[in-house]
Every structure is written in C-alpha cells, then in structure tokens.
Amino acid sequence: MTPRGHSGGWCLLFLAAIIPGVHLHRSDSSVQPASDSEAQIYRPVLQPSEAAPQIGTYMMKTPAGKPCVKATMGAEYVVSEKKTWYFNLDPSRVRTSGYCDKQVAVLSLTLPDNAAGLQLTFKKEKSFFYITKLTAHLSPLPVCQKCANKTYSGLLDHEKLFKTADGQSFNCKSENLLLMSSELKIKLVPLHMQAFTLPDGRYGQEVECWADFNKRVIPIVLGATVLGLILIAVLTFLFIRDRHRQGYDRL
C-alpha cells in the first residue's frame, strides 16, 4: 500500500473513532451473499373459514403447439387437522406443466417452491376420456407457533372421474368434493374441462354433470308433482260436490 493509502486509512479510522454513527464497510468481494436457507420460501396460509376459490383456465399443448388439455376451475384444499382449514389455489401463482400423448395426458398445477400441487391424469378409452388419476399435496405454514411443518397429500388412482365423450366437454357448476386422504380433500368448483380433442383450443359441446341436472330437473319435477296433486284435489272436490247436488235434486 502506498503512503497515501496509509494516510487515507488512518483518516478513516480517526473519523470512525470520534464521530458517532460512522461505520466502516468492506468494499472487497469477500462478503458472501445470503444462503439459500435464508431466502424467503413461499408457504400457503390455511384459513379457518371457507371462501369461493378464484377461477383459472389452464391448458396443456403438444410439442407441435396443439391444445390437448383445457381446464377451467376453482380449486380448494380442505385440511382436517383437529379442526377444518381451507386454502384456495391462486391461479396467478400457478405454474402449468405436463405432457400429451395419444392415450394419456397430464396437467400439473404447481405453486412456487412446490408448496402445493394438483396433478390430473387423463386417459382416452375408445370414444371417451376421463380422469384416471388425481394427486394433490399441500405444505402450508403451521397453524400454530409450536406446530411442526407438515405436508398433506393424497391420491386417487384407477378412477373414471368425469367421463365424457371425445370431442365434448365436461361442465359442472356444482361442487365436486374429492376425498384424497383422511386429512385432505380437494374441492373443484366450478369445473369445465376437455382433453385430447380440442379444435382451436375451444370447448366442445357441454355435457352436464348429474348434480347440475338434478338441481335443474328436480325443482321442475317437484313443481309438476305439486301442481298435479292440486289439480287432482280440485277435480275430486268438484266431482264430490256435483254428486251431492244430484242427490239433493232427486229428493
């Protein structure tokens, strides 16, 4: 170090000693960045009350860029841990991945740091498609300060969920509550999806789920039944009244 460098260093030391609040900082490259363990990690926060999940549209394409899976839905995780907790999937944070084949297609929805995930495996069988496998996991913040970190996961395999004709779309406005494990349920509401045959990435003719059909038809059937009973009661009353009148005329 040159004499000038020595004098500059002594001046800095003198200023640091006599002036409060002056601190020396190293300007070399020996300062190490924060370790990965110190970096902020995303973790979902469980809620004690239920709220309607945000609706997102997710799509998977073939390597050639042809749409093969499309799903529009809101997804809610229902956790049973002494009491019931809820977490809704935020579409703005979801990363979409997967693959498409002629008979099998996979759509994976993942949150940052793999804090939560939902994977749908579609299978094509003859002229129908359905979800044959569904996996889910959630690694939330502990619900209390002394509670340990825990991951909730579940699997549905060898199923034929939401079976629909090829070229058509499955549409259900009613909730679909799926039991993944003793501690985890997945609620999909609403749900609109189609796989394998998706011309221009648009949904085909909609196939209504049974829950929606019942909600729409049962009130009509009940209304028609009540109306029929009322009509029968009125006709019976008129018939009996006419019979009584005829009896009085003969007297």
C-alpha atoms as a PDB file:
ATOM      1  CA  MET A   1       0.000   0.000   0.000  1.00  0.00           C
ATOM      2  CA  THR A   2       1.370   3.479  -0.856  1.00  0.00           C
ATOM      3  CA  PRO A   3       1.972   6.082   1.855  1.00  0.00           C
ATOM      4  CA  ARG A   4      -1.018   7.958   0.542  1.00  0.00           C
ATOM      5  CA  GLY A   5      -3.105   4.818   1.049  1.00  0.00           C
ATOM      6  CA  HIS A   6      -1.809   4.556   4.648  1.00  0.00           C
ATOM      7  CA  SER A   7      -2.752   8.124   5.406  1.00  0.00           C
ATOM      8  CA  GLY A   8      -6.234   7.637   3.937  1.00  0.00           C
ATOM      9  CA  GLY A   9      -6.780   4.557   6.069  1.00  0.00           C
ATOM     10  CA  TRP A  10      -5.660   6.348   9.268  1.00  0.00           C
ATOM     11  CA  CYS A  11      -8.031   9.218   8.494  1.00  0.00           C
ATOM     12  CA  LEU A  12     -10.979   6.841   8.206  1.00  0.00           C
ATOM     13  CA  LEU A  13     -10.086   5.174  11.491  1.00  0.00           C
ATOM     14  CA  PHE A  14      -9.799   8.564  13.181  1.00  0.00           C
ATOM     15  CA  LEU A  15     -13.229   9.666  11.877  1.00  0.00           C
ATOM     16  CA  ALA A  16     -14.860   6.397  12.983  1.00  0.00           C
ATOM     17  CA  ALA A  17     -13.423   6.832  16.467  1.00  0.00           C
ATOM     18  CA  ILE A  18     -14.512  10.434  17.096  1.00  0.00           C
ATOM     19  CA  ILE A  19     -17.783  10.710  15.106  1.00  0.00           C
ATOM     20  CA  PRO A  20     -20.750   8.593  16.364  1.00  0.00           C
ATOM     21  CA  GLY A  21     -22.708   6.738  13.678  1.00  0.00           C
ATOM     22  CA  VAL A  22     -19.800   6.376  11.254  1.00  0.00           C
ATOM     23  CA  HIS A  23     -19.159   2.702  10.409  1.00  0.00           C
ATOM     24  CA  LEU A  24     -16.598   1.127   8.190  1.00  0.00           C
ATOM     25  CA  HIS A  25     -17.751  -1.197   5.383  1.00  0.00           C
ATOM     26  CA  ARG A  26     -15.598  -3.580   3.396  1.00  0.00           C
ATOM     27  CA  SER A  27     -15.615  -2.842  -0.318  1.00  0.00           C
ATOM     28  CA  ASP A  28     -13.976  -6.067  -1.426  1.00  0.00           C
ATOM     29  CA  SER A  29     -15.674  -9.221  -2.768  1.00  0.00           C
ATOM     30  CA  SER A  30     -15.197 -11.307   0.373  1.00  0.00           C
ATOM     31  CA  VAL A  31     -18.757 -10.588   1.597  1.00  0.00           C
ATOM     32  CA  GLN A  32     -20.860 -13.706   0.896  1.00  0.00           C
ATOM     33  CA  PRO A  33     -24.493 -13.490  -0.275  1.00  0.00           C
ATOM     34  CA  ALA A  34     -27.301 -14.891   1.889  1.00  0.00           C
ATOM     35  CA  SER A  35     -27.532 -18.643   1.813  1.00  0.00           C
ATOM     36  CA  ASP A  36     -30.436 -20.426   0.173  1.00  0.00           C
ATOM     37  CA  SER A  37     -31.799 -21.420   3.587  1.00  0.00           C
ATOM     38  CA  GLU A  38     -32.148 -17.718   4.441  1.00  0.00           C
ATOM     39  CA  ALA A  39     -34.099 -16.930   1.292  1.00  0.00           C
ATOM     40  CA  GLN A  40     -37.819 -16.425   1.697  1.00  0.00           C
ATOM     41  CA  ILE A  41     -39.779 -19.573   0.875  1.00  0.00           C
ATOM     42  CA  TYR A  42     -43.385 -19.381  -0.208  1.00  0.00           C
ATOM     43  CA  ARG A  43     -45.816 -21.238   2.041  1.00  0.00           C
ATOM     44  CA  PRO A  44     -49.617 -21.287   1.796  1.00  0.00           C
ATOM     45  CA  VAL A  45     -51.577 -19.933   4.738  1.00  0.00           C
ATOM     46  CA  LEU A  46     -54.528 -22.019   5.911  1.00  0.00           C
ATOM     47  CA  GLN A  47     -57.747 -20.151   6.648  1.00  0.00           C
ATOM     48  CA  PRO A  48     -60.302 -21.064   9.342  1.00  0.00           C
ATOM     49  CA  SER A  49     -63.268 -20.133   7.146  1.00  0.00           C
ATOM     50  CA  GLU A  50     -64.218 -21.069   3.613  1.00  0.00           C
ATOM     51  CA  ALA A  51     -64.274 -18.653   0.662  1.00  0.00           C
ATOM     52  CA  ALA A  52     -65.073 -19.137  -3.015  1.00  0.00           C
ATOM     53  CA  PRO A  53     -61.870 -20.012  -4.908  1.00  0.00           C
ATOM     54  CA  GLN A  54     -60.641 -17.938  -7.831  1.00  0.00           C
ATOM     55  CA  ILE A  55     -61.346 -19.469 -11.228  1.00  0.00           C
ATOM     56  CA  GLY A  56     -58.420 -20.100 -13.539  1.00  0.00           C
ATOM     57  CA  THR A  57     -58.081 -21.558 -17.038  1.00  0.00           C
ATOM     58  CA  TYR A  58     -55.183 -23.955 -17.568  1.00  0.00           C
ATOM     59  CA  MET A  59     -54.059 -25.501 -20.847  1.00  0.00           C
ATOM     60  CA  MET A  60     -51.532 -28.086 -21.959  1.00  0.00           C
ATOM     61  CA  LYS A  61     -50.282 -28.358 -25.551  1.00  0.00           C
ATOM     62  CA  THR A  62     -48.459 -30.956 -27.593  1.00  0.00           C
ATOM     63  CA  PRO A  63     -44.851 -30.303 -28.687  1.00  0.00           C
ATOM     64  CA  ALA A  64     -46.345 -29.153 -32.000  1.00  0.00           C
ATOM     65  CA  GLY A  65     -48.364 -26.497 -30.162  1.00  0.00           C
ATOM     66  CA  LYS A  66     -51.750 -28.201 -30.488  1.00  0.00           C
ATOM     67  CA  PRO A  67     -54.000 -27.878 -27.403  1.00  0.00           C
ATOM     68  CA  CYS A  68     -54.715 -31.265 -25.825  1.00  0.00           C
ATOM     69  CA  VAL A  69     -55.996 -30.410 -22.316  1.00  0.00           C
ATOM     70  CA  LYS A  70     -58.013 -27.440 -21.143  1.00  0.00           C
ATOM     71  CA  ALA A  71     -59.493 -26.977 -17.680  1.00  0.00           C
ATOM     72  CA  THR A  72     -61.353 -24.025 -16.197  1.00  0.00           C
ATOM     73  CA  MET A  73     -61.920 -24.393 -12.478  1.00  0.00           C
ATOM     74  CA  GLY A  74     -61.525 -23.142  -8.961  1.00  0.00           C
ATOM     75  CA  ALA A  75     -59.615 -25.437  -6.616  1.00  0.00           C
ATOM     76  CA  GLU A  76     -59.849 -25.533  -2.827  1.00  0.00           C
ATOM     77  CA  TYR A  77     -57.813 -27.630  -0.382  1.00  0.00           C
ATOM     78  CA  VAL A  78     -59.757 -28.754   2.677  1.00  0.00           C
ATOM     79  CA  VAL A  79     -57.473 -29.860   5.522  1.00  0.00           C
ATOM     80  CA  SER A  80     -58.684 -31.761   8.588  1.00  0.00           C
ATOM     81  CA  GLU A  81     -56.235 -31.083  11.421  1.00  0.00           C
ATOM     82  CA  LYS A  82     -58.138 -31.100  14.770  1.00  0.00           C
ATOM     83  CA  LYS A  83     -60.438 -28.636  13.016  1.00  0.00           C
ATOM     84  CA  THR A  84     -61.135 -27.859   9.365  1.00  0.00           C
ATOM     85  CA  TRP A  85     -58.866 -25.460   7.467  1.00  0.00           C
ATOM     86  CA  TYR A  86     -59.080 -24.126   3.927  1.00  0.00           C
ATOM     87  CA  PHE A  87     -56.710 -22.960   1.213  1.00  0.00           C
ATOM     88  CA  ASN A  88     -57.652 -21.765  -2.275  1.00  0.00           C
ATOM     89  CA  LEU A  89     -55.359 -22.199  -5.261  1.00  0.00           C
ATOM     90  CA  ASP A  90     -54.338 -18.804  -6.661  1.00  0.00           C
ATOM     91  CA  PRO A  91     -54.284 -19.014 -10.498  1.00  0.00           C
ATOM     92  CA  SER A  92     -51.838 -16.079 -10.736  1.00  0.00           C
ATOM     93  CA  ARG A  93     -49.186 -18.118  -8.871  1.00  0.00           C
ATOM     94  CA  VAL A  94     -49.737 -21.437 -10.634  1.00  0.00           C
ATOM     95  CA  ARG A  95     -47.094 -22.896 -12.930  1.00  0.00           C
ATOM     96  CA  THR A  96     -48.523 -25.278 -15.536  1.00  0.00           C
ATOM     97  CA  SER A  97     -46.638 -28.317 -16.778  1.00  0.00           C
ATOM     98  CA  GLY A  98     -47.293 -31.839 -18.062  1.00  0.00           C
ATOM     99  CA  TYR A  99     -47.361 -33.696 -21.341  1.00  0.00           C
ATOM    100  CA  CYS A 100     -49.713 -35.011 -24.015  1.00  0.00           C
ATOM    101  CA  ASP A 101     -49.814 -38.412 -25.676  1.00  0.00           C
ATOM    102  CA  LYS A 102     -52.373 -40.140 -27.849  1.00  0.00           C
ATOM    103  CA  GLN A 103     -53.926 -42.070 -24.960  1.00  0.00           C
ATOM    104  CA  VAL A 104     -52.648 -40.268 -21.860  1.00  0.00           C
ATOM    105  CA  ALA A 105     -52.318 -36.587 -20.954  1.00  0.00           C
ATOM    106  CA  VAL A 106     -51.131 -34.986 -17.727  1.00  0.00           C
ATOM    107  CA  LEU A 107     -51.877 -31.488 -16.434  1.00  0.00           C
ATOM    108  CA  SER A 108     -49.847 -30.392 -13.389  1.00  0.00           C
ATOM    109  CA  LEU A 109     -50.575 -27.232 -11.439  1.00  0.00           C
ATOM    110  CA  THR A 110     -47.828 -26.196  -9.020  1.00  0.00           C
ATOM    111  CA  LEU A 111     -47.306 -23.251  -6.683  1.00  0.00           C
ATOM    112  CA  PRO A 112     -43.875 -21.655  -6.080  1.00  0.00           C
ATOM    113  CA  ASP A 113     -41.369 -23.725  -4.109  1.00  0.00           C
ATOM    114  CA  ASN A 114     -43.639 -26.729  -4.728  1.00  0.00           C
ATOM    115  CA  ALA A 115     -45.698 -25.552  -1.763  1.00  0.00           C
ATOM    116  CA  ALA A 116     -48.847 -27.024  -3.302  1.00  0.00           C
ATOM    117  CA  GLY A 117     -49.645 -29.104  -6.334  1.00  0.00           C
ATOM    118  CA  LEU A 118     -52.516 -30.687  -8.184  1.00  0.00           C
ATOM    119  CA  GLN A 119     -51.970 -33.194 -10.974  1.00  0.00           C
ATOM    120  CA  LEU A 120     -54.692 -34.515 -13.261  1.00  0.00           C
ATOM    121  CA  THR A 121     -54.022 -37.559 -15.433  1.00  0.00           C
ATOM    122  CA  PHE A 122     -56.413 -38.015 -18.348  1.00  0.00           C
ATOM    123  CA  LYS A 123     -56.937 -41.245 -20.236  1.00  0.00           C
ATOM    124  CA  LYS A 124     -58.592 -41.813 -23.581  1.00  0.00           C
ATOM    125  CA  GLU A 125     -60.507 -45.076 -23.958  1.00  0.00           C
ATOM    126  CA  LYS A 126     -62.267 -45.726 -27.259  1.00  0.00           C
ATOM    127  CA  SER A 127     -64.537 -42.711 -27.793  1.00  0.00           C
ATOM    128  CA  PHE A 128     -64.405 -41.406 -24.207  1.00  0.00           C
ATOM    129  CA  PHE A 129     -61.978 -39.602 -21.947  1.00  0.00           C
ATOM    130  CA  TYR A 130     -61.855 -39.297 -18.158  1.00  0.00           C
ATOM    131  CA  ILE A 131     -59.530 -38.555 -15.256  1.00  0.00           C
ATOM    132  CA  THR A 132     -57.928 -41.806 -14.208  1.00  0.00           C
ATOM    133  CA  LYS A 133     -55.560 -40.401 -11.584  1.00  0.00           C
ATOM    134  CA  LEU A 134     -55.548 -37.349  -9.336  1.00  0.00           C
ATOM    135  CA  THR A 135     -52.758 -36.407  -6.933  1.00  0.00           C
ATOM    136  CA  ALA A 136     -52.525 -33.443  -4.589  1.00  0.00           C
ATOM    137  CA  HIS A 137     -50.195 -32.099  -1.924  1.00  0.00           C
ATOM    138  CA  LEU A 138     -50.070 -29.018   0.290  1.00  0.00           C
ATOM    139  CA  SER A 139     -47.216 -27.770   2.517  1.00  0.00           C
ATOM    140  CA  PRO A 140     -48.692 -24.835   4.444  1.00  0.00           C
ATOM    141  CA  LEU A 141     -47.406 -22.719   7.284  1.00  0.00           C
ATOM    142  CA  PRO A 142     -48.088 -24.419  10.634  1.00  0.00           C
ATOM    143  CA  VAL A 143     -51.410 -23.405  12.157  1.00  0.00           C
ATOM    144  CA  CYS A 144     -49.740 -22.568  15.478  1.00  0.00           C
ATOM    145  CA  GLN A 145     -46.291 -21.371  16.632  1.00  0.00           C
ATOM    146  CA  LYS A 146     -45.289 -24.677  18.184  1.00  0.00           C
ATOM    147  CA  CYS A 147     -46.834 -26.837  15.461  1.00  0.00           C
ATOM    148  CA  ALA A 148     -44.429 -28.726  13.215  1.00  0.00           C
ATOM    149  CA  ASN A 149     -44.219 -28.283   9.466  1.00  0.00           C
ATOM    150  CA  LYS A 150     -46.393 -30.828   7.719  1.00  0.00           C
ATOM    151  CA  THR A 151     -47.270 -31.818   4.172  1.00  0.00           C
ATOM    152  CA  TYR A 152     -50.773 -33.070   3.405  1.00  0.00           C
ATOM    153  CA  SER A 153     -51.040 -35.319   0.378  1.00  0.00           C
ATOM    154  CA  GLY A 154     -53.431 -37.723  -1.263  1.00  0.00           C
ATOM    155  CA  LEU A 155     -54.054 -39.869  -4.313  1.00  0.00           C
ATOM    156  CA  LEU A 156     -56.992 -41.157  -6.322  1.00  0.00           C
ATOM    157  CA  ASP A 157     -55.939 -43.848  -8.780  1.00  0.00           C
ATOM    158  CA  HIS A 158     -57.640 -46.142 -11.295  1.00  0.00           C
ATOM    159  CA  GLU A 159     -60.718 -43.931 -11.360  1.00  0.00           C
ATOM    160  CA  LYS A 160     -63.047 -42.878 -14.158  1.00  0.00           C
ATOM    161  CA  LEU A 161     -63.855 -39.382 -12.982  1.00  0.00           C
ATOM    162  CA  PHE A 162     -65.944 -37.033 -15.137  1.00  0.00           C
ATOM    163  CA  LYS A 163     -66.240 -39.465 -18.047  1.00  0.00           C
ATOM    164  CA  THR A 164     -67.154 -37.643 -21.261  1.00  0.00           C
ATOM    165  CA  ALA A 165     -67.403 -38.436 -24.961  1.00  0.00           C
ATOM    166  CA  ASP A 166     -64.376 -37.455 -27.028  1.00  0.00           C
ATOM    167  CA  GLY A 167     -64.823 -34.041 -28.621  1.00  0.00           C
ATOM    168  CA  GLN A 168     -67.220 -32.882 -25.898  1.00  0.00           C
ATOM    169  CA  SER A 169     -66.525 -31.021 -22.653  1.00  0.00           C
ATOM    170  CA  PHE A 170     -67.496 -31.883 -19.101  1.00  0.00           C
ATOM    171  CA  ASN A 171     -69.177 -28.977 -17.328  1.00  0.00           C
ATOM    172  CA  CYS A 172     -70.244 -28.893 -13.668  1.00  0.00           C
ATOM    173  CA  LYS A 173     -71.234 -25.779 -11.742  1.00  0.00           C
ATOM    174  CA  SER A 174     -71.919 -27.795  -8.597  1.00  0.00           C
ATOM    175  CA  GLU A 175     -69.026 -28.587  -6.274  1.00  0.00           C
ATOM    176  CA  ASN A 176     -67.052 -31.791  -6.682  1.00  0.00           C
ATOM    177  CA  LEU A 177     -65.584 -32.787  -3.321  1.00  0.00           C
ATOM    178  CA  LEU A 178     -62.917 -35.487  -3.679  1.00  0.00           C
ATOM    179  CA  LEU A 179     -61.548 -37.400  -0.679  1.00  0.00           C
ATOM    180  CA  MET A 180     -57.786 -37.618  -1.225  1.00  0.00           C
ATOM    181  CA  SER A 181     -56.847 -38.915   2.231  1.00  0.00           C
ATOM    182  CA  SER A 182     -58.110 -38.854   5.802  1.00  0.00           C
ATOM    183  CA  GLU A 183     -56.651 -35.353   6.203  1.00  0.00           C
ATOM    184  CA  LEU A 184     -57.077 -33.831   2.752  1.00  0.00           C
ATOM    185  CA  LYS A 185     -59.988 -33.172   0.415  1.00  0.00           C
ATOM    186  CA  ILE A 186     -59.997 -31.316  -2.887  1.00  0.00           C
ATOM    187  CA  LYS A 187     -62.994 -29.270  -3.950  1.00  0.00           C
ATOM    188  CA  LEU A 188     -63.323 -28.333  -7.624  1.00  0.00           C
ATOM    189  CA  VAL A 189     -65.981 -25.704  -8.254  1.00  0.00           C
ATOM    190  CA  PRO A 190     -66.931 -24.906 -10.912  1.00  0.00           C
ATOM    191  CA  LEU A 191     -65.314 -27.389 -13.290  1.00  0.00           C
ATOM    192  CA  HIS A 192     -65.170 -27.244 -17.082  1.00  0.00           C
ATOM    193  CA  MET A 193     -62.666 -29.481 -18.853  1.00  0.00           C
ATOM    194  CA  GLN A 194     -61.849 -31.300 -22.066  1.00  0.00           C
ATOM    195  CA  ALA A 195     -58.955 -33.489 -23.195  1.00  0.00           C
ATOM    196  CA  PHE A 196     -57.374 -34.892 -26.363  1.00  0.00           C
ATOM    197  CA  THR A 197     -59.713 -33.396 -28.990  1.00  0.00           C
ATOM    198  CA  LEU A 198     -59.749 -29.602 -28.692  1.00  0.00           C
ATOM    199  CA  PRO A 199     -60.222 -27.906 -32.087  1.00  0.00           C
ATOM    200  CA  ASP A 200     -58.639 -24.426 -31.899  1.00  0.00           C
ATOM    201  CA  GLY A 201     -58.415 -24.820 -28.132  1.00  0.00           C
ATOM    202  CA  ARG A 202     -62.153 -24.287 -27.710  1.00  0.00           C
ATOM    203  CA  TYR A 203     -64.535 -26.340 -25.603  1.00  0.00           C
ATOM    204  CA  GLY A 204     -66.857 -28.660 -27.474  1.00  0.00           C
ATOM    205  CA  GLN A 205     -70.491 -29.400 -26.734  1.00  0.00           C
ATOM    206  CA  GLU A 206     -71.051 -29.315 -22.982  1.00  0.00           C
ATOM    207  CA  VAL A 207     -72.061 -32.425 -21.051  1.00  0.00           C
ATOM    208  CA  GLU A 208     -73.925 -31.539 -17.863  1.00  0.00           C
ATOM    209  CA  CYS A 209     -72.975 -33.287 -14.625  1.00  0.00           C
ATOM    210  CA  TRP A 210     -75.602 -35.182 -12.624  1.00  0.00           C
ATOM    211  CA  ALA A 211     -75.532 -32.677  -9.766  1.00  0.00           C
ATOM    212  CA  ASP A 212     -76.405 -29.800 -12.096  1.00  0.00           C
ATOM    213  CA  PHE A 213     -79.022 -31.934 -13.857  1.00  0.00           C
ATOM    214  CA  ASN A 214     -80.682 -32.792 -10.548  1.00  0.00           C
ATOM    215  CA  LYS A 215     -80.639 -29.185  -9.392  1.00  0.00           C
ATOM    216  CA  ARG A 216     -82.299 -28.140 -12.637  1.00  0.00           C
ATOM    217  CA  VAL A 217     -84.764 -31.013 -13.081  1.00  0.00           C
ATOM    218  CA  ILE A 218     -85.819 -31.842  -9.508  1.00  0.00           C
ATOM    219  CA  PRO A 219     -87.497 -28.451  -8.877  1.00  0.00           C
ATOM    220  CA  ILE A 220     -89.386 -28.876 -12.150  1.00  0.00           C
ATOM    221  CA  VAL A 221     -90.474 -32.399 -11.206  1.00  0.00           C
ATOM    222  CA  LEU A 222     -91.478 -31.314  -7.704  1.00  0.00           C
ATOM    223  CA  GLY A 223     -93.371 -28.346  -9.088  1.00  0.00           C
ATOM    224  CA  ALA A 224     -95.182 -30.523 -11.601  1.00  0.00           C
ATOM    225  CA  THR A 225     -95.991 -33.069  -8.865  1.00  0.00           C
ATOM    226  CA  VAL A 226     -97.410 -30.417  -6.542  1.00  0.00           C
ATOM    227  CA  LEU A 227     -99.411 -28.913  -9.397  1.00  0.00           C
ATOM    228  CA  GLY A 228    -100.737 -32.360 -10.300  1.00  0.00           C
ATOM    229  CA  LEU A 229    -101.781 -33.054  -6.704  1.00  0.00           C
ATOM    230  CA  ILE A 230    -103.535 -29.699  -6.517  1.00  0.00           C
ATOM    231  CA  LEU A 231    -105.328 -30.391  -9.794  1.00  0.00           C
ATOM    232  CA  ILE A 232    -106.400 -33.851  -8.574  1.00  0.00           C
ATOM    233  CA  ALA A 233    -107.684 -32.343  -5.303  1.00  0.00           C
ATOM    234  CA  VAL A 234    -109.679 -29.678  -7.152  1.00  0.00           C
ATOM    235  CA  LEU A 235    -111.197 -32.198  -9.582  1.00  0.00           C
ATOM    236  CA  THR A 236    -112.059 -34.538  -6.701  1.00  0.00           C
ATOM    237  CA  PHE A 237    -113.729 -31.693  -4.827  1.00  0.00           C
ATOM    238  CA  LEU A 238    -115.771 -30.681  -7.894  1.00  0.00           C
ATOM    239  CA  PHE A 239    -116.775 -34.288  -8.554  1.00  0.00           C
ATOM    240  CA  ILE A 240    -117.958 -34.829  -4.953  1.00  0.00           C
ATOM    241  CA  ARG A 241    -119.834 -31.523  -4.937  1.00  0.00           C
ATOM    242  CA  ASP A 242    -121.658 -32.416  -8.164  1.00  0.00           C
ATOM    243  CA  ARG A 243    -122.631 -35.822  -6.750  1.00  0.00           C
ATOM    244  CA  HIS A 244    -124.106 -34.175  -3.672  1.00  0.00           C
ATOM    245  CA  ARG A 245    -126.083 -31.730  -5.809  1.00  0.00           C
ATOM    246  CA  GLN A 246    -127.525 -34.587  -7.906  1.00  0.00           C
ATOM    247  CA  GLY A 247    -128.676 -36.371  -4.727  1.00  0.00           C
ATOM    248  CA  TYR A 248    -130.497 -33.328  -3.484  1.00  0.00           C
ATOM    249  CA  ASP A 249    -132.329 -32.925  -6.830  1.00  0.00           C
ATOM    250  CA  ARG A 250    -133.792 -36.435  -6.558  1.00  0.00           C
ATOM    251  CA  LEU A 251    -135.271 -35.657  -3.161  1.00  0.00           C
END
